[in-house]
Amino acid sequence: MEAKAIVKSLRISPIKARLVIDLIRGKDVSVALNILNNRNKQSSKLILKVLNSAIANAVNNFKLDENKLYVKEARVDAGPVMKRHMFDSRSHIGHKDRRTSHIVIVVAEK
């Protein structure tokens, strides 16, 4: 049995979020929580919320044991891009894309 948590359109670049989510894939939930609590990045705080939600879904909805859970799947997908324009040198129009992410975490029991 497995439980899932999804967060869509988070305002963080998928490249930056993948650096942190690669650290917790396949780990036990307690180890993953320790990694995320000790990581000093913005994405680790957001991923920690998603992981806690997935754990709560597993415990409350499917009556799984929290001590036996592990991170079965953890991925960051690209979300919609907000395109912003700004003035560049020599009166050209430059652009700055503000990227968003979709975070999916699946926990399962061993």
N, C-alpha and C. Protein backbone atom coordinates (compact mmCIF):
# COMPACT_ATOMS: atom_id res chain seq x y z
N MET A 1 0.85 -1.17 0.00
CA MET A 1 0.00 0.00 0.00
C MET A 1 0.89 1.23 0.00
N GLU A 2 0.47 2.24 -0.71
CA GLU A 2 1.26 3.46 -0.78
C GLU A 2 0.36 4.68 -0.70
N ALA A 3 0.95 5.78 -0.23
CA ALA A 3 0.24 7.05 -0.10
C ALA A 3 1.02 8.11 -0.85
N LYS A 4 0.30 9.11 -1.34
CA LYS A 4 0.89 10.11 -2.22
C LYS A 4 0.53 11.51 -1.75
N ALA A 5 1.44 12.45 -2.01
CA ALA A 5 1.17 13.87 -1.78
C ALA A 5 1.74 14.64 -2.96
N ILE A 6 0.95 15.58 -3.46
CA ILE A 6 1.33 16.37 -4.64
C ILE A 6 1.12 17.85 -4.31
N VAL A 7 2.11 18.66 -4.68
CA VAL A 7 1.97 20.11 -4.58
C VAL A 7 2.27 20.67 -5.97
N LYS A 8 1.39 21.52 -6.44
CA LYS A 8 1.55 22.06 -7.79
C LYS A 8 1.84 23.55 -7.76
N SER A 9 2.59 23.98 -8.74
CA SER A 9 2.90 25.39 -9.01
C SER A 9 3.60 26.08 -7.84
N LEU A 10 4.61 25.41 -7.29
CA LEU A 10 5.43 26.05 -6.27
C LEU A 10 6.40 27.00 -6.94
N ARG A 11 6.65 28.14 -6.31
CA ARG A 11 7.51 29.17 -6.90
C ARG A 11 8.98 28.89 -6.60
N ILE A 12 9.48 27.78 -7.14
CA ILE A 12 10.90 27.48 -7.06
C ILE A 12 11.28 26.75 -8.33
N SER A 13 12.48 27.00 -8.79
CA SER A 13 12.94 26.39 -10.02
C SER A 13 13.06 24.87 -9.85
N PRO A 14 12.66 24.09 -10.85
CA PRO A 14 12.76 22.63 -10.73
C PRO A 14 14.21 22.16 -10.59
N ILE A 15 15.14 22.87 -11.18
CA ILE A 15 16.54 22.48 -11.10
C ILE A 15 17.03 22.58 -9.65
N LYS A 16 16.65 23.65 -8.96
CA LYS A 16 17.06 23.83 -7.57
C LYS A 16 16.38 22.82 -6.66
N ALA A 17 15.12 22.49 -6.94
CA ALA A 17 14.40 21.54 -6.10
C ALA A 17 14.90 20.12 -6.31
N ARG A 18 15.36 19.79 -7.51
CA ARG A 18 15.85 18.43 -7.78
C ARG A 18 17.14 18.12 -7.03
N LEU A 19 17.93 19.16 -6.73
CA LEU A 19 19.15 18.94 -5.96
C LEU A 19 18.85 18.35 -4.59
N VAL A 20 17.77 18.78 -3.98
CA VAL A 20 17.41 18.31 -2.64
C VAL A 20 16.62 17.01 -2.71
N ILE A 21 15.73 16.89 -3.68
CA ILE A 21 14.85 15.71 -3.71
C ILE A 21 15.62 14.45 -4.09
N ASP A 22 16.75 14.61 -4.77
CA ASP A 22 17.57 13.44 -5.09
C ASP A 22 18.19 12.83 -3.84
N LEU A 23 18.32 13.62 -2.77
CA LEU A 23 18.94 13.12 -1.54
C LEU A 23 18.02 12.19 -0.75
N ILE A 24 16.71 12.32 -0.92
CA ILE A 24 15.78 11.55 -0.08
C ILE A 24 15.14 10.38 -0.81
N ARG A 25 15.33 10.26 -2.09
CA ARG A 25 14.68 9.19 -2.85
C ARG A 25 15.19 7.83 -2.41
N GLY A 26 14.26 6.94 -2.01
CA GLY A 26 14.61 5.59 -1.61
C GLY A 26 14.99 5.44 -0.15
N LYS A 27 15.02 6.51 0.61
CA LYS A 27 15.44 6.45 2.01
C LYS A 27 14.24 6.18 2.92
N ASP A 28 14.54 5.74 4.15
CA ASP A 28 13.49 5.63 5.16
C ASP A 28 12.97 7.03 5.49
N VAL A 29 11.74 7.09 5.98
CA VAL A 29 11.11 8.38 6.25
C VAL A 29 11.85 9.14 7.34
N SER A 30 12.29 8.45 8.38
CA SER A 30 13.00 9.13 9.47
C SER A 30 14.33 9.71 8.98
N VAL A 31 15.03 8.98 8.13
CA VAL A 31 16.29 9.48 7.57
C VAL A 31 16.02 10.67 6.65
N ALA A 32 14.97 10.58 5.85
CA ALA A 32 14.63 11.68 4.94
C ALA A 32 14.25 12.94 5.70
N LEU A 33 13.52 12.79 6.81
CA LEU A 33 13.16 13.95 7.63
C LEU A 33 14.41 14.60 8.22
N ASN A 34 15.37 13.79 8.66
CA ASN A 34 16.61 14.34 9.20
C ASN A 34 17.41 15.09 8.14
N ILE A 35 17.46 14.54 6.94
CA ILE A 35 18.18 15.19 5.85
C ILE A 35 17.55 16.54 5.53
N LEU A 36 16.23 16.57 5.44
CA LEU A 36 15.55 17.82 5.08
C LEU A 36 15.63 18.86 6.19
N ASN A 37 15.61 18.43 7.43
CA ASN A 37 15.71 19.38 8.54
C ASN A 37 17.09 20.01 8.64
N ASN A 38 18.12 19.30 8.21
CA ASN A 38 19.48 19.80 8.32
C ASN A 38 20.00 20.45 7.04
N ARG A 39 19.19 20.53 6.03
CA ARG A 39 19.60 21.13 4.76
C ARG A 39 19.20 22.59 4.77
N ASN A 40 20.10 23.48 4.37
CA ASN A 40 19.86 24.92 4.44
C ASN A 40 19.50 25.47 3.06
N LYS A 41 18.37 25.02 2.53
CA LYS A 41 17.91 25.50 1.24
C LYS A 41 16.42 25.79 1.31
N GLN A 42 15.96 26.67 0.44
CA GLN A 42 14.54 27.00 0.42
C GLN A 42 13.72 25.78 0.00
N SER A 43 14.22 25.02 -0.95
CA SER A 43 13.46 23.88 -1.45
C SER A 43 13.31 22.79 -0.39
N SER A 44 14.25 22.68 0.54
CA SER A 44 14.14 21.64 1.56
C SER A 44 12.96 21.89 2.49
N LYS A 45 12.65 23.16 2.76
CA LYS A 45 11.49 23.47 3.60
C LYS A 45 10.19 23.11 2.88
N LEU A 46 10.13 23.37 1.59
CA LEU A 46 8.93 23.05 0.82
C LEU A 46 8.75 21.54 0.66
N ILE A 47 9.85 20.84 0.40
CA ILE A 47 9.79 19.39 0.24
C ILE A 47 9.44 18.73 1.57
N LEU A 48 9.89 19.30 2.68
CA LEU A 48 9.57 18.78 4.00
C LEU A 48 8.06 18.82 4.25
N LYS A 49 7.41 19.88 3.84
CA LYS A 49 5.95 19.98 3.99
C LYS A 49 5.24 18.90 3.17
N VAL A 50 5.71 18.65 1.96
CA VAL A 50 5.09 17.63 1.11
C VAL A 50 5.31 16.25 1.70
N LEU A 51 6.52 15.99 2.21
CA LEU A 51 6.80 14.69 2.82
C LEU A 51 5.95 14.47 4.06
N ASN A 52 5.80 15.49 4.89
CA ASN A 52 4.93 15.35 6.07
C ASN A 52 3.49 15.09 5.68
N SER A 53 3.04 15.70 4.60
CA SER A 53 1.68 15.46 4.11
C SER A 53 1.52 14.02 3.62
N ALA A 54 2.53 13.50 2.93
CA ALA A 54 2.46 12.12 2.45
C ALA A 54 2.46 11.13 3.61
N ILE A 55 3.24 11.42 4.64
CA ILE A 55 3.26 10.56 5.83
C ILE A 55 1.90 10.60 6.53
N ALA A 56 1.31 11.78 6.66
CA ALA A 56 0.00 11.91 7.29
C ALA A 56 -1.07 11.18 6.48
N ASN A 57 -0.98 11.25 5.16
CA ASN A 57 -1.94 10.52 4.32
C ASN A 57 -1.81 9.02 4.54
N ALA A 58 -0.59 8.52 4.66
CA ALA A 58 -0.38 7.09 4.85
C ALA A 58 -0.90 6.62 6.20
N VAL A 59 -0.66 7.42 7.23
CA VAL A 59 -1.06 7.01 8.58
C VAL A 59 -2.56 7.15 8.77
N ASN A 60 -3.13 8.25 8.35
CA ASN A 60 -4.55 8.51 8.62
C ASN A 60 -5.49 7.82 7.64
N ASN A 61 -5.14 7.79 6.36
CA ASN A 61 -6.06 7.24 5.37
C ASN A 61 -5.92 5.74 5.18
N PHE A 62 -4.68 5.22 5.27
CA PHE A 62 -4.45 3.81 4.96
C PHE A 62 -4.00 3.01 6.17
N LYS A 63 -3.92 3.65 7.35
CA LYS A 63 -3.56 2.96 8.60
C LYS A 63 -2.22 2.24 8.50
N LEU A 64 -1.23 2.86 7.86
CA LEU A 64 0.10 2.29 7.76
C LEU A 64 0.94 2.69 8.96
N ASP A 65 1.96 1.89 9.27
CA ASP A 65 2.85 2.18 10.39
C ASP A 65 3.91 3.17 9.94
N GLU A 66 4.04 4.26 10.68
CA GLU A 66 4.96 5.33 10.29
C GLU A 66 6.42 4.88 10.35
N ASN A 67 6.74 3.93 11.23
CA ASN A 67 8.12 3.47 11.38
C ASN A 67 8.58 2.58 10.23
N LYS A 68 7.64 2.02 9.47
CA LYS A 68 8.00 1.13 8.37
C LYS A 68 7.95 1.82 7.01
N LEU A 69 7.68 3.11 6.97
CA LEU A 69 7.53 3.82 5.70
C LEU A 69 8.89 4.19 5.10
N TYR A 70 8.93 4.21 3.78
CA TYR A 70 10.09 4.72 3.06
C TYR A 70 9.60 5.52 1.85
N VAL A 71 10.49 6.33 1.30
CA VAL A 71 10.14 7.19 0.16
C VAL A 71 10.29 6.34 -1.10
N LYS A 72 9.16 5.93 -1.65
CA LYS A 72 9.19 5.06 -2.83
C LYS A 72 9.48 5.87 -4.09
N GLU A 73 8.84 7.02 -4.20
CA GLU A 73 9.02 7.86 -5.39
C GLU A 73 9.05 9.31 -4.95
N ALA A 74 10.00 10.04 -5.50
CA ALA A 74 10.10 11.47 -5.22
C ALA A 74 10.57 12.14 -6.50
N ARG A 75 9.75 13.04 -7.02
CA ARG A 75 10.14 13.69 -8.27
C ARG A 75 9.67 15.14 -8.29
N VAL A 76 10.37 15.92 -9.10
CA VAL A 76 10.03 17.32 -9.31
C VAL A 76 9.82 17.51 -10.80
N ASP A 77 8.64 17.93 -11.18
CA ASP A 77 8.32 18.20 -12.57
C ASP A 77 8.24 19.70 -12.79
N ALA A 78 8.45 20.12 -14.01
CA ALA A 78 8.36 21.54 -14.34
C ALA A 78 6.91 21.96 -14.42
N GLY A 79 6.60 23.09 -13.82
CA GLY A 79 5.26 23.65 -13.87
C GLY A 79 5.19 24.76 -14.91
N PRO A 80 4.14 25.55 -14.87
CA PRO A 80 4.03 26.66 -15.81
C PRO A 80 5.08 27.72 -15.55
N VAL A 81 5.47 28.40 -16.61
CA VAL A 81 6.51 29.43 -16.53
C VAL A 81 5.86 30.80 -16.65
N MET A 82 6.15 31.66 -15.67
CA MET A 82 5.67 33.04 -15.75
C MET A 82 6.74 33.85 -16.47
N LYS A 83 6.38 34.41 -17.60
CA LYS A 83 7.36 35.14 -18.41
C LYS A 83 7.26 36.62 -18.11
N ARG A 84 8.36 37.19 -17.66
CA ARG A 84 8.43 38.60 -17.32
C ARG A 84 9.42 39.30 -18.23
N HIS A 85 9.09 40.53 -18.62
CA HIS A 85 9.96 41.30 -19.52
C HIS A 85 10.57 42.45 -18.76
N MET A 86 11.77 42.82 -19.17
CA MET A 86 12.45 43.95 -18.55
C MET A 86 13.36 44.61 -19.57
N PHE A 87 13.73 45.84 -19.29
CA PHE A 87 14.59 46.55 -20.21
C PHE A 87 16.01 46.02 -20.10
N ASP A 88 16.63 45.90 -21.26
CA ASP A 88 17.99 45.39 -21.34
C ASP A 88 18.88 46.49 -21.90
N SER A 89 20.09 46.17 -22.17
CA SER A 89 21.01 47.19 -22.68
C SER A 89 20.63 47.62 -24.10
N ARG A 90 20.97 48.80 -24.44
CA ARG A 90 20.74 49.40 -25.76
C ARG A 90 19.26 49.37 -26.14
N SER A 91 18.38 49.58 -25.18
CA SER A 91 16.93 49.67 -25.38
C SER A 91 16.29 48.40 -25.92
N HIS A 92 16.90 47.28 -25.68
CA HIS A 92 16.28 46.01 -26.05
C HIS A 92 15.40 45.53 -24.90
N ILE A 93 14.51 44.63 -25.23
CA ILE A 93 13.65 44.04 -24.21
C ILE A 93 14.21 42.65 -23.90
N GLY A 94 14.61 42.46 -22.64
CA GLY A 94 15.07 41.15 -22.19
C GLY A 94 13.93 40.43 -21.50
N HIS A 95 14.15 39.20 -21.17
CA HIS A 95 13.10 38.45 -20.46
C HIS A 95 13.72 37.69 -19.30
N LYS A 96 12.93 37.51 -18.28
CA LYS A 96 13.33 36.73 -17.12
C LYS A 96 12.20 35.77 -16.81
N ASP A 97 12.44 34.50 -17.05
CA ASP A 97 11.42 33.49 -16.83
C ASP A 97 11.40 33.09 -15.37
N ARG A 98 10.22 33.08 -14.76
CA ARG A 98 10.07 32.66 -13.37
C ARG A 98 9.44 31.27 -13.40
N ARG A 99 10.24 30.30 -13.09
CA ARG A 99 9.82 28.91 -13.23
C ARG A 99 9.10 28.41 -11.98
N THR A 100 8.21 27.45 -12.17
CA THR A 100 7.49 26.83 -11.06
C THR A 100 7.68 25.32 -11.12
N SER A 101 7.33 24.66 -10.02
CA SER A 101 7.56 23.21 -9.91
C SER A 101 6.32 22.50 -9.41
N HIS A 102 6.21 21.24 -9.81
CA HIS A 102 5.24 20.32 -9.24
C HIS A 102 6.04 19.24 -8.51
N ILE A 103 5.75 19.06 -7.21
CA ILE A 103 6.48 18.08 -6.41
C ILE A 103 5.55 16.93 -6.08
N VAL A 104 6.02 15.70 -6.35
CA VAL A 104 5.25 14.48 -6.09
C VAL A 104 6.10 13.57 -5.19
N ILE A 105 5.53 13.17 -4.06
CA ILE A 105 6.22 12.24 -3.16
C ILE A 105 5.26 11.09 -2.84
N VAL A 106 5.75 9.87 -3.03
CA VAL A 106 4.99 8.66 -2.73
C VAL A 106 5.73 7.88 -1.65
N VAL A 107 5.04 7.57 -0.57
CA VAL A 107 5.64 6.74 0.49
C VAL A 107 4.90 5.40 0.52
N ALA A 108 5.67 4.36 0.84
CA ALA A 108 5.10 3.01 0.90
C ALA A 108 5.68 2.30 2.12
N GLU A 109 5.05 1.18 2.46
CA GLU A 109 5.48 0.41 3.61
C GLU A 109 6.39 -0.72 3.15
N LYS A 110 7.44 -0.96 3.93
CA LYS A 110 8.36 -2.05 3.57
C LYS A 110 7.77 -3.39 3.88
